[in-house]
Amino acid sequence: MTSSKHAEAESSDVLHADQLEKPADLLPTTDSDAEIPAGYFPVTAEEKAMSRALNVKFDIFLLPFMSLLYLFNGLDRGNVGNAQTQGFTTDIGVKSSDLNFAVSLFFVTFVIFQPISSAVGRRIGAKNWIPIIMFIWGILTICHAFIHGRAQLIAIRLLIGLFEAGFYPTAVFYLSTFYTRFDLAVRIALFYGQYAIAGAFSGAIAYGVFQLKGALHNWQYLFIIEGALTCFIAIIAWLWLPMGPGSAWFLSPEQRVYSTNRIQIDNARYVQHQYGKDGLEKSAERLSKRDIVETAKDWKLWYVLFFNICASIPGQVFSVFLPLVVKGLGYKSITANLMSVPPYVCGAVGLYMFALHSDYRRERGFHILGGLLVCLIGLIITVTVTHQQTRYAGLCILTFGSYVSAPLTAAWLSGNTPEPGKRSLVLGVNGFGNLAGIIGSELFQAKYAPRYLIPFYATLGFVATAFLGYLAYRYTLLAVNKWRERRTEGWTETEIEEERLSEKRFGDRKLTFMYGL
């Protein structure tokens, strides 16, 4: 493992802001484990205590709130599935196949605009961009309650996809400016887990809302209530979120200095920027033409993207259609919403367990493969048995592994992309993994109900392909690391420093950079 040469405070047990060395003086000097890229690793007892205290504050004041925002993102994306169990399409005068088509089109704008929206978020800051897009998609969610006809349904889904597009990549990049690379995966998992929790929460909310009786259809109340709550939370978000670690209102002045320094140290060997008081790069340096070019040329991003799409199909499908799949097991429509809760909870628990162990072991690839293997086992049970309770157990096993690959892939790419501008774009392009939603929405059509055997067999094939692809991807990165070790073997400190300062190779393309596996 690499480590940083940090100054120890001689006259106090606590490091003070004026005792912290600058990032340029804190570069890692040894590489005892080529499988782990250089970064920030607290060495002294004082550093470890400060780093833990800092993470605790972020875990209390930042992460839960970001997770709450993602919860509403998931609710507003998937509530059409709950509404459909109550005759949504019939009441607005469209066919059930039109809903599948509209859900597919949602993912078109959702995917296409992710890099663009992520770039805007990078330029103006997540503090500003996330509340703006969240408030707009909240309004659009309310609009669902008053639409009629196919054209209006499609228009609303296209628009909500457009404004939800930038949330996830912007939020993940935002978290990466507060947490160091090997503190990040479990936080992304806790954040991303709200996608699974949203499914459970959505089912529970829908079950309660659908008991309402009034002048409107019960599904209309669902859209109005959830959309209004989203708008309210968006306003709170603008007041709550700091621009960066250097302006976090819940940190002491000393902690603000320390938090900005450790993030800069985390990437100091491979990037060079001027930083503002927020701990972020100067505005002119946040996104450059080279960031765009290097993202387009990033082979590791495009390599893993196809397999990420394949692996994401179960999670994307069940975010919308799990209530319908559960209904196909024989449960009544309202009960199906309630019975969709346990599988989502299993998905969240599985994700947290895999991510926590991934950060602890500082390893990504084998943990993703483990999640995919669990997913495969659940799929096999689901398609081979006919007993209702056993198939339901298979769904729980399936969802236990379904949500692991997406957040760990994001953490993997983030940790292997030290240049912040490029990282924000990489995370945006990685959002193309949501193309899985288009595939899934076309697979799980009403004509395959109640068992949905053909969609499940197709999903099994996609997940098996992803398993083989991620296995090959991990060993490809390992081969690149070994090649770089051979190229740099015997380099002097002067040559290593020249490689760091040279603009010939950018960020993770530097020969001294070792990819995390």
Protein backbone atom coordinates (compact mmCIF):
# COMPACT_ATOMS: atom_id res chain seq x y z
CA MET A 1 0.00 0.00 0.00
CA THR A 2 1.21 3.50 -0.70
CA SER A 3 1.36 6.09 2.05
CA SER A 4 1.86 9.85 2.31
CA LYS A 5 4.61 11.61 4.28
CA HIS A 6 2.54 13.72 6.62
CA ALA A 7 3.91 16.05 9.23
CA GLU A 8 3.38 15.15 12.86
CA ALA A 9 2.43 17.80 15.36
CA GLU A 10 5.14 17.91 18.02
CA SER A 11 3.51 20.21 20.51
CA SER A 12 -0.04 18.89 20.40
CA ASP A 13 -1.98 15.69 20.01
CA VAL A 14 -4.14 17.38 17.34
CA LEU A 15 -3.07 18.62 13.91
CA HIS A 16 -3.89 22.29 13.40
CA ALA A 17 -4.57 24.00 10.10
CA ASP A 18 -1.26 25.87 10.10
CA GLN A 19 0.64 22.61 10.69
CA LEU A 20 -0.75 20.83 7.64
CA GLU A 21 1.68 20.50 4.76
CA LYS A 22 0.64 21.45 1.26
CA PRO A 23 -0.37 18.72 -1.22
CA ALA A 24 2.79 19.11 -3.29
CA ASP A 25 4.84 18.20 -0.21
CA LEU A 26 2.75 15.17 0.63
CA LEU A 27 3.22 12.96 -2.39
CA PRO A 28 3.44 9.21 -1.77
CA THR A 29 6.98 7.93 -2.02
CA THR A 30 6.67 4.14 -1.94
CA ASP A 31 4.66 1.52 -3.78
CA SER A 32 4.56 -1.67 -1.76
CA ASP A 33 1.37 -2.89 -3.41
CA ALA A 34 1.09 -2.29 -7.15
CA GLU A 35 -2.58 -3.25 -7.13
CA ILE A 36 -3.53 -0.12 -5.15
CA PRO A 37 -3.06 3.31 -6.78
CA ALA A 38 -1.36 6.03 -4.82
CA GLY A 39 -3.62 8.21 -2.74
CA TYR A 40 -4.30 9.54 0.72
CA PHE A 41 -3.80 7.05 3.55
CA PRO A 42 -3.58 8.40 7.13
CA VAL A 43 -0.43 7.12 8.82
CA THR A 44 -0.07 8.65 12.28
CA ALA A 45 -2.53 8.17 15.13
CA GLU A 46 -3.42 11.87 14.95
CA GLU A 47 -4.17 11.66 11.22
CA LYS A 48 -6.27 8.55 11.62
CA ALA A 49 -8.28 10.16 14.40
CA MET A 50 -8.87 13.32 12.35
CA SER A 51 -9.78 11.35 9.24
CA ARG A 52 -12.26 9.21 11.17
CA ALA A 53 -13.79 12.27 12.82
CA LEU A 54 -14.13 13.96 9.46
CA ASN A 55 -15.82 10.92 7.89
CA VAL A 56 -18.20 10.69 10.83
CA LYS A 57 -19.32 14.29 10.26
CA PHE A 58 -19.79 13.68 6.54
CA ASP A 59 -21.67 10.48 7.37
CA ILE A 60 -24.01 12.41 9.66
CA PHE A 61 -24.56 15.71 7.88
CA LEU A 62 -23.94 14.98 4.18
CA LEU A 63 -24.42 11.33 3.21
CA PRO A 64 -27.89 10.75 4.75
CA PHE A 65 -29.22 13.91 3.14
CA MET A 66 -27.80 12.98 -0.27
CA SER A 67 -29.32 9.53 0.19
CA LEU A 68 -32.68 11.13 0.94
CA LEU A 69 -32.46 13.04 -2.34
CA TYR A 70 -31.73 9.82 -4.22
CA LEU A 71 -34.65 8.16 -2.48
CA PHE A 72 -36.97 10.74 -4.05
CA ASN A 73 -35.18 10.30 -7.38
CA GLY A 74 -36.04 6.60 -7.26
CA LEU A 75 -39.62 7.24 -6.13
CA ASP A 76 -40.33 9.64 -8.96
CA ARG A 77 -38.77 7.31 -11.51
CA GLY A 78 -40.56 4.14 -10.50
CA ASN A 79 -43.98 5.20 -9.24
CA VAL A 80 -45.60 4.52 -12.63
CA GLY A 81 -45.17 0.82 -11.85
CA ASN A 82 -47.18 1.24 -8.65
CA ALA A 83 -49.78 3.36 -10.44
CA GLN A 84 -50.19 0.73 -13.12
CA THR A 85 -51.35 -1.85 -10.56
CA GLN A 86 -54.35 0.47 -10.03
CA GLY A 87 -55.28 0.87 -13.68
CA PHE A 88 -53.19 3.94 -14.54
CA THR A 89 -53.05 3.28 -18.30
CA THR A 90 -56.76 2.43 -18.52
CA ASP A 91 -57.76 5.64 -16.75
CA ILE A 92 -55.63 7.88 -18.99
CA GLY A 93 -56.80 6.10 -22.15
CA VAL A 94 -53.70 4.25 -23.34
CA LYS A 95 -52.65 0.62 -23.77
CA SER A 96 -50.38 -1.14 -21.28
CA SER A 97 -47.78 -1.50 -24.06
CA ASP A 98 -47.75 2.31 -24.31
CA LEU A 99 -46.47 2.44 -20.72
CA ASN A 100 -43.57 0.12 -21.63
CA PHE A 101 -42.81 2.35 -24.61
CA ALA A 102 -42.96 5.53 -22.49
CA VAL A 103 -40.68 3.99 -19.85
CA SER A 104 -38.22 3.10 -22.64
CA LEU A 105 -38.27 6.66 -23.93
CA PHE A 106 -37.64 7.94 -20.40
CA PHE A 107 -34.30 6.15 -20.51
CA VAL A 108 -33.45 7.68 -23.89
CA THR A 109 -33.30 11.24 -22.54
CA PHE A 110 -32.09 9.97 -19.18
CA VAL A 111 -29.05 8.34 -20.79
CA ILE A 112 -28.24 10.82 -23.56
CA PHE A 113 -28.19 13.84 -21.28
CA GLN A 114 -26.23 12.31 -18.38
CA PRO A 115 -22.76 13.48 -19.55
CA ILE A 116 -24.13 16.89 -20.53
CA SER A 117 -25.99 17.41 -17.26
CA SER A 118 -22.99 16.10 -15.31
CA ALA A 119 -20.77 18.65 -17.07
CA VAL A 120 -23.18 21.45 -16.11
CA GLY A 121 -23.15 20.22 -12.53
CA ARG A 122 -19.35 20.22 -12.59
CA ARG A 123 -19.27 23.83 -13.79
CA ILE A 124 -21.87 25.42 -11.50
CA GLY A 125 -21.53 23.04 -8.56
CA ALA A 126 -23.75 20.25 -7.25
CA LYS A 127 -25.11 22.59 -4.55
CA ASN A 128 -26.82 24.62 -7.27
CA TRP A 129 -27.52 22.06 -9.98
CA ILE A 130 -29.08 19.25 -7.92
CA PRO A 131 -31.82 21.43 -6.34
CA ILE A 132 -32.67 22.98 -9.73
CA ILE A 133 -33.19 19.69 -11.58
CA MET A 134 -34.86 18.10 -8.57
CA PHE A 135 -37.47 20.85 -8.26
CA ILE A 136 -38.30 20.59 -11.98
CA TRP A 137 -38.71 16.81 -11.98
CA GLY A 138 -40.91 17.16 -8.86
CA ILE A 139 -43.24 19.43 -10.83
CA LEU A 140 -43.25 16.92 -13.69
CA THR A 141 -44.14 14.12 -11.27
CA ILE A 142 -47.21 16.08 -10.17
CA CYS A 143 -48.11 16.53 -13.84
CA HIS A 144 -48.47 12.74 -14.18
CA ALA A 145 -51.71 13.02 -12.21
CA PHE A 146 -53.38 15.14 -14.90
CA ILE A 147 -52.21 13.71 -18.20
CA HIS A 148 -54.45 11.98 -20.72
CA GLY A 149 -53.49 10.11 -23.85
CA ARG A 150 -50.35 8.56 -25.29
CA ALA A 151 -48.69 11.79 -26.45
CA GLN A 152 -48.87 13.43 -23.02
CA LEU A 153 -47.58 10.30 -21.30
CA ILE A 154 -44.58 10.12 -23.63
CA ALA A 155 -43.85 13.86 -23.33
CA ILE A 156 -43.88 13.74 -19.53
CA ARG A 157 -41.60 10.66 -19.39
CA LEU A 158 -39.15 12.25 -21.85
CA LEU A 159 -39.00 15.43 -19.78
CA ILE A 160 -38.63 13.70 -16.43
CA GLY A 161 -35.82 11.61 -17.93
CA LEU A 162 -34.11 14.79 -19.12
CA PHE A 163 -34.12 16.44 -15.70
CA GLU A 164 -33.30 13.31 -13.68
CA ALA A 165 -30.37 12.54 -16.00
CA GLY A 166 -27.71 14.56 -14.21
CA PHE A 167 -28.58 13.68 -10.64
CA TYR A 168 -26.69 10.42 -10.10
CA PRO A 169 -23.34 11.29 -11.80
CA THR A 170 -23.35 14.77 -10.27
CA ALA A 171 -24.08 13.36 -6.82
CA VAL A 172 -21.41 10.63 -7.05
CA PHE A 173 -18.80 13.14 -8.19
CA TYR A 174 -19.90 15.48 -5.40
CA LEU A 175 -19.34 12.74 -2.81
CA SER A 176 -15.90 12.02 -4.32
CA THR A 177 -14.87 15.58 -3.41
CA PHE A 178 -15.52 14.82 0.27
CA TYR A 179 -14.39 11.18 0.68
CA THR A 180 -11.05 9.68 -0.35
CA ARG A 181 -11.04 6.81 -2.84
CA PHE A 182 -11.05 3.90 -0.40
CA ASP A 183 -13.65 5.50 1.83
CA LEU A 184 -15.91 6.05 -1.16
CA ALA A 185 -17.42 2.71 -2.24
CA VAL A 186 -19.35 2.02 0.93
CA ARG A 187 -20.67 5.61 0.86
CA ILE A 188 -21.75 5.27 -2.77
CA ALA A 189 -23.39 1.99 -1.77
CA LEU A 190 -25.25 3.63 1.10
CA PHE A 191 -26.23 6.38 -1.32
CA TYR A 192 -27.13 4.05 -4.21
CA GLY A 193 -28.91 1.72 -1.82
CA GLN A 194 -31.67 4.30 -1.68
CA TYR A 195 -32.52 3.13 -5.19
CA ALA A 196 -33.44 -0.24 -3.69
CA ILE A 197 -34.96 1.35 -0.59
CA ALA A 198 -36.99 3.61 -2.90
CA GLY A 199 -38.60 0.50 -4.33
CA ALA A 200 -39.49 -0.76 -0.87
CA PHE A 201 -40.58 2.69 0.30
CA SER A 202 -42.54 3.21 -2.92
CA GLY A 203 -44.42 -0.01 -2.36
CA ALA A 204 -45.20 0.91 1.24
CA ILE A 205 -46.27 4.47 0.31
CA ALA A 206 -48.39 3.20 -2.56
CA TYR A 207 -50.08 0.68 -0.28
CA GLY A 208 -51.03 3.49 2.10
CA VAL A 209 -52.00 6.06 -0.54
CA PHE A 210 -54.12 3.55 -2.42
CA GLN A 211 -56.38 3.31 0.62
CA LEU A 212 -57.40 6.95 0.08
CA LYS A 213 -60.87 7.62 -1.25
CA GLY A 214 -61.80 10.93 -2.82
CA ALA A 215 -62.65 12.81 -5.99
CA LEU A 216 -59.47 11.63 -7.75
CA HIS A 217 -58.20 8.19 -8.66
CA ASN A 218 -55.94 6.81 -5.94
CA TRP A 219 -52.95 6.72 -8.31
CA GLN A 220 -53.40 10.49 -8.86
CA TYR A 221 -52.92 11.10 -5.15
CA LEU A 222 -49.67 9.08 -5.37
CA PHE A 223 -48.16 11.35 -8.03
CA ILE A 224 -49.33 14.56 -6.32
CA ILE A 225 -48.01 13.61 -2.88
CA GLU A 226 -44.63 12.32 -4.06
CA GLY A 227 -44.07 15.19 -6.49
CA ALA A 228 -44.90 17.85 -3.89
CA LEU A 229 -42.52 16.25 -1.38
CA THR A 230 -39.76 16.24 -4.00
CA CYS A 231 -40.17 19.98 -4.61
CA PHE A 232 -40.05 20.67 -0.88
CA ILE A 233 -36.89 18.61 -0.39
CA ALA A 234 -35.24 20.35 -3.37
CA ILE A 235 -35.63 23.73 -1.64
CA ILE A 236 -34.15 22.33 1.57
CA ALA A 237 -31.24 20.87 -0.44
CA TRP A 238 -30.18 24.27 -1.74
CA LEU A 239 -29.98 25.56 1.83
CA TRP A 240 -28.32 22.42 3.26
CA LEU A 241 -25.60 21.39 0.80
CA PRO A 242 -22.15 23.02 0.97
CA MET A 243 -20.37 23.96 -2.24
CA GLY A 244 -17.37 21.88 -1.24
CA PRO A 245 -15.48 20.55 1.80
CA GLY A 246 -13.83 23.93 2.36
CA SER A 247 -17.18 25.62 2.94
CA ALA A 248 -19.01 22.86 4.81
CA TRP A 249 -21.02 24.64 7.51
CA PHE A 250 -20.90 21.62 9.83
CA LEU A 251 -17.07 21.47 9.97
CA SER A 252 -14.72 23.44 12.22
CA PRO A 253 -12.21 25.75 10.48
CA GLU A 254 -9.43 23.22 11.16
CA GLN A 255 -11.49 20.38 9.70
CA ARG A 256 -12.23 22.39 6.57
CA VAL A 257 -8.51 22.82 5.91
CA TYR A 258 -7.79 19.18 6.64
CA SER A 259 -10.66 17.91 4.47
CA THR A 260 -9.58 19.95 1.45
CA ASN A 261 -5.94 18.91 1.86
CA ARG A 262 -6.63 15.20 2.08
CA ILE A 263 -8.71 15.24 -1.13
CA GLN A 264 -5.95 17.13 -2.92
CA ILE A 265 -3.38 14.67 -1.56
CA ASP A 266 -5.50 11.78 -2.79
CA ASN A 267 -4.80 12.83 -6.39
CA ALA A 268 -1.68 14.98 -6.00
CA ARG A 269 0.65 12.58 -7.78
CA TYR A 270 -1.33 12.74 -11.01
CA VAL A 271 -3.09 16.13 -11.18
CA GLN A 272 -2.06 19.76 -10.77
CA HIS A 273 -4.63 22.47 -10.10
CA GLN A 274 -5.20 25.71 -8.25
CA TYR A 275 -7.86 25.43 -5.58
CA GLY A 276 -10.34 27.90 -4.17
CA LYS A 277 -11.51 28.29 -0.58
CA ASP A 278 -14.25 25.67 -1.11
CA GLY A 279 -11.57 23.05 -1.69
CA LEU A 280 -12.59 22.80 -5.35
CA GLU A 281 -10.55 23.70 -8.39
CA LYS A 282 -10.71 27.26 -9.68
CA SER A 283 -13.73 27.68 -11.95
CA ALA A 284 -11.66 27.93 -15.13
CA GLU A 285 -9.96 24.60 -14.36
CA ARG A 286 -13.04 22.54 -13.48
CA LEU A 287 -13.63 21.30 -17.01
CA SER A 288 -11.32 21.54 -20.01
CA LYS A 289 -11.26 20.45 -23.64
CA ARG A 290 -8.61 17.90 -22.69
CA ASP A 291 -10.97 16.39 -20.11
CA ILE A 292 -13.48 15.78 -22.91
CA VAL A 293 -10.88 14.35 -25.29
CA GLU A 294 -9.35 12.08 -22.66
CA THR A 295 -12.79 10.79 -21.64
CA ALA A 296 -13.55 9.93 -25.26
CA LYS A 297 -10.22 8.05 -25.47
CA ASP A 298 -10.59 6.25 -22.14
CA TRP A 299 -10.51 2.58 -23.14
CA LYS A 300 -11.28 1.28 -19.65
CA LEU A 301 -14.55 3.24 -19.59
CA TRP A 302 -15.82 1.95 -22.93
CA TYR A 303 -14.55 -1.56 -22.15
CA VAL A 304 -16.63 -1.92 -19.01
CA LEU A 305 -19.67 0.05 -20.20
CA PHE A 306 -21.27 -2.77 -22.22
CA PHE A 307 -20.96 -5.22 -19.34
CA ASN A 308 -22.27 -2.59 -16.92
CA ILE A 309 -25.38 -2.31 -19.09
CA CYS A 310 -25.87 -6.09 -19.03
CA ALA A 311 -25.35 -6.27 -15.25
CA SER A 312 -27.75 -3.39 -14.58
CA ILE A 313 -30.80 -4.91 -16.26
CA PRO A 314 -32.25 -6.64 -13.15
CA GLY A 315 -31.91 -3.55 -10.94
CA GLN A 316 -33.31 -1.22 -13.60
CA VAL A 317 -36.21 -3.53 -14.42
CA PHE A 318 -37.31 -4.08 -10.86
CA SER A 319 -37.22 -0.37 -10.05
CA VAL A 320 -40.40 -0.14 -12.16
CA PHE A 321 -41.84 -3.58 -12.80
CA LEU A 322 -41.27 -5.57 -9.59
CA PRO A 323 -44.83 -4.91 -8.32
CA LEU A 324 -46.15 -6.37 -11.58
CA VAL A 325 -43.81 -9.38 -11.37
CA VAL A 326 -44.91 -10.01 -7.78
CA LYS A 327 -48.53 -9.65 -8.86
CA GLY A 328 -47.83 -12.37 -11.42
CA LEU A 329 -47.00 -14.74 -8.56
CA GLY A 330 -50.66 -14.64 -7.55
CA TYR A 331 -50.85 -11.71 -5.14
CA LYS A 332 -53.70 -9.22 -5.42
CA SER A 333 -52.91 -5.81 -6.89
CA ILE A 334 -52.71 -3.79 -3.66
CA THR A 335 -51.00 -6.65 -1.79
CA ALA A 336 -48.45 -6.95 -4.63
CA ASN A 337 -47.20 -3.44 -3.82
CA LEU A 338 -46.67 -4.44 -0.18
CA MET A 339 -45.07 -7.79 -1.09
CA SER A 340 -42.55 -5.98 -3.31
CA VAL A 341 -40.97 -4.45 -0.19
CA PRO A 342 -38.92 -7.47 1.09
CA PRO A 343 -37.07 -8.06 -2.23
CA TYR A 344 -36.04 -4.39 -2.32
CA VAL A 345 -34.82 -4.61 1.29
CA CYS A 346 -32.79 -7.69 0.33
CA GLY A 347 -31.25 -5.66 -2.50
CA ALA A 348 -30.21 -2.87 -0.13
CA VAL A 349 -28.75 -5.30 2.44
CA GLY A 350 -26.77 -7.17 -0.23
CA LEU A 351 -25.38 -3.94 -1.64
CA TYR A 352 -24.27 -2.65 1.77
CA MET A 353 -22.55 -5.92 2.66
CA PHE A 354 -20.62 -6.19 -0.60
CA ALA A 355 -19.62 -2.51 -0.63
CA LEU A 356 -18.45 -2.47 2.99
CA HIS A 357 -16.22 -5.48 2.36
CA SER A 358 -15.03 -3.96 -0.92
CA ASP A 359 -13.73 -0.82 0.81
CA TYR A 360 -12.24 -2.90 3.62
CA ARG A 361 -10.35 -5.13 1.15
CA ARG A 362 -9.68 -2.23 -1.26
CA GLU A 363 -10.86 -4.42 -4.13
CA ARG A 364 -13.68 -3.96 -6.63
CA GLY A 365 -13.67 -6.62 -9.36
CA PHE A 366 -14.19 -9.81 -7.36
CA HIS A 367 -16.90 -8.13 -5.28
CA ILE A 368 -18.83 -7.21 -8.42
CA LEU A 369 -18.43 -10.78 -9.64
CA GLY A 370 -19.75 -12.05 -6.31
CA GLY A 371 -22.88 -9.91 -6.62
CA LEU A 372 -23.46 -11.12 -10.18
CA LEU A 373 -23.08 -14.74 -9.07
CA VAL A 374 -25.78 -14.28 -6.41
CA CYS A 375 -27.97 -12.64 -9.05
CA LEU A 376 -27.50 -15.63 -11.36
CA ILE A 377 -28.50 -18.06 -8.60
CA GLY A 378 -31.69 -16.09 -7.96
CA LEU A 379 -32.51 -16.00 -11.67
CA ILE A 380 -32.04 -19.74 -12.03
CA ILE A 381 -34.42 -20.37 -9.12
CA THR A 382 -36.97 -17.95 -10.55
CA VAL A 383 -37.09 -19.56 -13.99
CA THR A 384 -36.87 -23.23 -12.95
CA VAL A 385 -39.46 -23.56 -10.16
CA THR A 386 -43.22 -23.13 -10.18
CA HIS A 387 -43.95 -23.07 -6.45
CA GLN A 388 -45.14 -19.54 -5.55
CA GLN A 389 -43.23 -19.12 -2.29
CA THR A 390 -40.03 -20.60 -3.76
CA ARG A 391 -40.19 -18.26 -6.75
CA TYR A 392 -40.70 -15.36 -4.35
CA ALA A 393 -37.58 -16.48 -2.43
CA GLY A 394 -35.74 -16.58 -5.76
CA LEU A 395 -36.74 -12.96 -6.38
CA CYS A 396 -35.31 -12.02 -2.98
CA ILE A 397 -32.01 -13.79 -3.78
CA LEU A 398 -31.97 -12.16 -7.21
CA THR A 399 -32.40 -8.65 -5.82
CA PHE A 400 -29.80 -9.37 -3.10
CA GLY A 401 -27.15 -9.35 -5.84
CA SER A 402 -28.82 -7.07 -8.40
CA TYR A 403 -27.72 -3.71 -7.02
CA VAL A 404 -24.03 -4.49 -6.36
CA SER A 405 -22.43 -3.92 -9.77
CA ALA A 406 -23.58 -0.36 -10.60
CA PRO A 407 -22.28 1.52 -7.52
CA LEU A 408 -19.09 -0.53 -7.26
CA THR A 409 -18.42 0.12 -10.95
CA ALA A 410 -18.87 3.86 -10.31
CA ALA A 411 -16.48 3.67 -7.32
CA TRP A 412 -14.02 1.64 -9.41
CA LEU A 413 -14.01 4.15 -12.26
CA SER A 414 -13.87 7.08 -9.84
CA GLY A 415 -10.85 5.68 -7.99
CA ASN A 416 -9.08 4.96 -11.27
CA THR A 417 -9.70 8.49 -12.64
CA PRO A 418 -7.66 10.97 -10.55
CA GLU A 419 -8.28 14.01 -12.79
CA PRO A 420 -11.48 15.60 -11.36
CA GLY A 421 -12.77 17.11 -14.61
CA LYS A 422 -12.38 13.86 -16.51
CA ARG A 423 -13.83 11.94 -13.55
CA SER A 424 -17.06 13.94 -13.68
CA LEU A 425 -17.43 13.14 -17.39
CA VAL A 426 -16.48 9.47 -16.93
CA LEU A 427 -19.20 9.12 -14.29
CA GLY A 428 -21.63 10.82 -16.65
CA VAL A 429 -20.80 8.49 -19.56
CA ASN A 430 -20.96 5.54 -17.16
CA GLY A 431 -24.58 6.57 -16.73
CA PHE A 432 -25.14 5.00 -20.16
CA GLY A 433 -25.48 1.87 -18.06
CA ASN A 434 -29.06 3.02 -17.64
CA LEU A 435 -29.67 1.83 -21.20
CA ALA A 436 -30.44 -1.34 -19.29
CA GLY A 437 -33.75 0.31 -18.45
CA ILE A 438 -34.71 0.43 -22.12
CA ILE A 439 -33.88 -3.24 -22.58
CA GLY A 440 -35.71 -4.21 -19.43
CA SER A 441 -38.84 -2.19 -20.15
CA GLU A 442 -39.12 -3.82 -23.58
CA LEU A 443 -38.52 -7.29 -22.12
CA PHE A 444 -41.03 -7.22 -19.26
CA GLN A 445 -44.18 -6.58 -21.25
CA ALA A 446 -47.68 -7.59 -20.21
CA LYS A 447 -47.90 -10.27 -22.89
CA TYR A 448 -45.33 -12.34 -20.95
CA ALA A 449 -47.34 -12.22 -17.70
CA PRO A 450 -47.82 -13.83 -15.27
CA ARG A 451 -44.52 -15.79 -15.09
CA TYR A 452 -42.44 -13.55 -17.42
CA LEU A 453 -40.31 -16.59 -18.35
CA ILE A 454 -38.89 -15.22 -21.61
CA PRO A 455 -37.83 -11.91 -19.98
CA PHE A 456 -36.22 -13.80 -17.10
CA TYR A 457 -34.33 -16.14 -19.47
CA ALA A 458 -33.07 -13.12 -21.44
CA THR A 459 -32.01 -11.41 -18.22
CA LEU A 460 -30.15 -14.58 -17.22
CA GLY A 461 -28.19 -14.41 -20.47
CA PHE A 462 -27.32 -10.73 -19.98
CA VAL A 463 -26.10 -11.28 -16.40
CA ALA A 464 -23.98 -14.29 -17.44
CA THR A 465 -22.39 -12.14 -20.17
CA ALA A 466 -21.67 -9.41 -17.60
CA PHE A 467 -20.01 -11.94 -15.28
CA LEU A 468 -17.58 -13.05 -18.00
CA GLY A 469 -16.98 -9.46 -19.08
CA TYR A 470 -16.12 -8.13 -15.61
CA LEU A 471 -13.80 -11.10 -15.07
CA ALA A 472 -11.92 -10.24 -18.27
CA TYR A 473 -11.91 -6.52 -17.38
CA ARG A 474 -10.25 -7.08 -14.01
CA TYR A 475 -7.46 -9.19 -15.46
CA THR A 476 -6.96 -6.69 -18.28
CA LEU A 477 -6.31 -3.94 -15.71
CA LEU A 478 -3.93 -6.30 -13.89
CA ALA A 479 -2.03 -6.91 -17.14
CA VAL A 480 -1.74 -3.13 -17.72
CA ASN A 481 -0.37 -2.68 -14.18
CA LYS A 482 2.27 -5.37 -14.74
CA TRP A 483 3.26 -3.79 -18.06
CA ARG A 484 3.64 -0.38 -16.38
CA GLU A 485 5.73 -1.94 -13.61
CA ARG A 486 8.11 -3.30 -16.21
CA ARG A 487 8.26 0.06 -18.04
CA THR A 488 9.07 2.03 -14.88
CA GLU A 489 11.36 -0.53 -13.25
CA GLY A 490 14.60 1.14 -12.25
CA TRP A 491 13.32 4.71 -12.67
CA THR A 492 15.05 7.30 -10.53
CA GLU A 493 13.17 9.76 -8.30
CA THR A 494 13.92 12.44 -10.90
CA GLU A 495 12.29 10.41 -13.66
CA ILE A 496 9.25 9.71 -11.48
CA GLU A 497 8.90 13.43 -10.73
CA GLU A 498 9.25 14.28 -14.43
CA GLU A 499 6.44 11.85 -15.23
CA ARG A 500 4.26 13.51 -12.57
CA LEU A 501 4.84 17.02 -13.92
CA SER A 502 4.77 16.11 -17.62
CA GLU A 503 1.63 16.92 -19.60
CA LYS A 504 2.43 14.25 -22.18
CA ARG A 505 0.27 11.71 -20.34
CA PHE A 506 -2.87 12.71 -18.45
CA GLY A 507 -4.08 11.45 -15.05
CA ASP A 508 -4.47 7.67 -15.04
CA ARG A 509 -2.50 7.38 -18.31
CA LYS A 510 0.72 8.23 -16.50
CA LEU A 511 3.02 5.22 -16.38
CA THR A 512 3.35 5.54 -12.61
CA PHE A 513 -0.41 5.16 -12.09
CA MET A 514 -1.49 1.67 -11.02
CA TYR A 515 -5.15 0.79 -11.53
CA GLY A 516 -7.11 -0.38 -8.52
CA LEU A 517 -8.51 -3.84 -9.08
